[in-house]
Amino acid sequence: MEKDIKAIIVMLATQAMINLGEIQDPMSGELNDNLPGAETFMDLLAVVEEKTRGNLTAEEEKFLFEVKANLAKVYKKKVNLNTG
């Protein structure tokens, strides 16, 4: 894997998806819902966005936007399942 901003985005998004229970935890092999944990990684992606604003290529900006949007959809679905 290239060592670039996309790798950082993928790493954070993967951790968010593990905490959303969409990807098995590699340590336990289990699917776990940990919404506060997912929020932490989603917040870190927002920090990356804020701190890199104006320094990303158009492709990198689009990638970050799409990853954040997809995570938000999954998060919303999980919240609705847990409250509905």
Protein backbone atom coordinates (compact mmCIF):
# COMPACT_ATOMS: atom_id res chain seq x y z
CA MET A 1 0.00 0.00 0.00
CA GLU A 2 1.24 3.45 -0.86
CA LYS A 3 2.05 5.67 2.07
CA ASP A 4 -0.16 8.63 1.23
CA ILE A 5 -3.27 10.42 2.46
CA LYS A 6 -5.51 7.75 0.95
CA ALA A 7 -3.81 5.13 3.11
CA ILE A 8 -4.56 7.20 6.21
CA ILE A 9 -8.18 7.65 5.12
CA VAL A 10 -8.57 3.91 4.47
CA MET A 11 -7.00 3.04 7.83
CA LEU A 12 -9.38 5.33 9.73
CA ALA A 13 -12.39 4.23 7.68
CA THR A 14 -11.57 0.57 8.27
CA GLN A 15 -11.46 1.13 12.01
CA ALA A 16 -14.80 2.95 11.82
CA MET A 17 -16.32 0.03 9.88
CA ILE A 18 -14.97 -2.45 12.44
CA ASN A 19 -16.61 -0.41 15.20
CA LEU A 20 -19.83 -0.22 13.18
CA GLY A 21 -19.86 -4.02 13.03
CA GLU A 22 -19.54 -4.08 9.24
CA ILE A 23 -16.10 -5.72 9.25
CA GLN A 24 -14.93 -8.47 11.57
CA ASP A 25 -12.56 -7.35 14.28
CA PRO A 26 -9.23 -8.89 13.20
CA MET A 27 -8.25 -9.54 16.81
CA SER A 28 -11.40 -11.33 17.95
CA GLY A 29 -12.92 -12.36 14.63
CA GLU A 30 -16.25 -11.03 15.86
CA LEU A 31 -18.63 -8.38 14.60
CA ASN A 32 -19.14 -5.72 17.26
CA ASP A 33 -21.27 -2.60 17.40
CA ASN A 34 -19.39 0.16 19.14
CA LEU A 35 -21.01 3.38 17.94
CA PRO A 36 -18.91 5.67 20.19
CA GLY A 37 -15.78 4.01 18.81
CA ALA A 38 -17.02 4.50 15.26
CA GLU A 39 -17.75 8.15 16.03
CA THR A 40 -14.16 8.62 17.17
CA PHE A 41 -12.74 7.38 13.88
CA MET A 42 -15.29 9.40 11.89
CA ASP A 43 -14.30 12.49 13.90
CA LEU A 44 -10.64 11.79 13.10
CA LEU A 45 -11.52 11.76 9.40
CA ALA A 46 -13.11 15.18 9.91
CA VAL A 47 -9.86 16.36 11.50
CA VAL A 48 -7.90 15.05 8.52
CA GLU A 49 -10.28 16.95 6.24
CA GLU A 50 -9.91 20.15 8.24
CA LYS A 51 -6.14 19.98 8.54
CA THR A 52 -5.55 19.14 4.87
CA ARG A 53 -8.08 21.62 3.41
CA GLY A 54 -6.50 23.30 0.40
CA ASN A 55 -3.66 20.79 0.23
CA LEU A 56 -5.38 17.76 -1.31
CA THR A 57 -5.71 17.01 -4.98
CA ALA A 58 -9.23 16.99 -6.43
CA GLU A 59 -9.08 13.18 -6.50
CA GLU A 60 -8.04 12.99 -2.84
CA GLU A 61 -10.79 15.44 -1.82
CA LYS A 62 -13.39 13.40 -3.69
CA PHE A 63 -12.13 10.17 -2.09
CA LEU A 64 -12.31 11.64 1.42
CA PHE A 65 -15.79 13.07 0.76
CA GLU A 66 -17.08 9.72 -0.53
CA VAL A 67 -15.60 7.74 2.35
CA LYS A 68 -17.10 10.13 4.90
CA ALA A 69 -20.50 10.04 3.15
CA ASN A 70 -20.53 6.23 3.05
CA LEU A 71 -19.58 5.97 6.72
CA ALA A 72 -22.31 8.47 7.62
CA LYS A 73 -24.91 6.32 5.81
CA VAL A 74 -23.83 3.17 7.63
CA TYR A 75 -23.69 5.00 10.97
CA LYS A 76 -27.19 6.42 10.46
CA LYS A 77 -28.51 2.95 9.61
CA LYS A 78 -26.95 1.51 12.78
CA VAL A 79 -28.33 4.30 14.96
CA ASN A 80 -31.81 3.80 13.50
CA LEU A 81 -31.61 0.04 14.12
CA ASN A 82 -30.55 0.59 17.71
CA THR A 83 -33.21 3.21 18.46
CA GLY A 84 -36.09 2.01 16.29
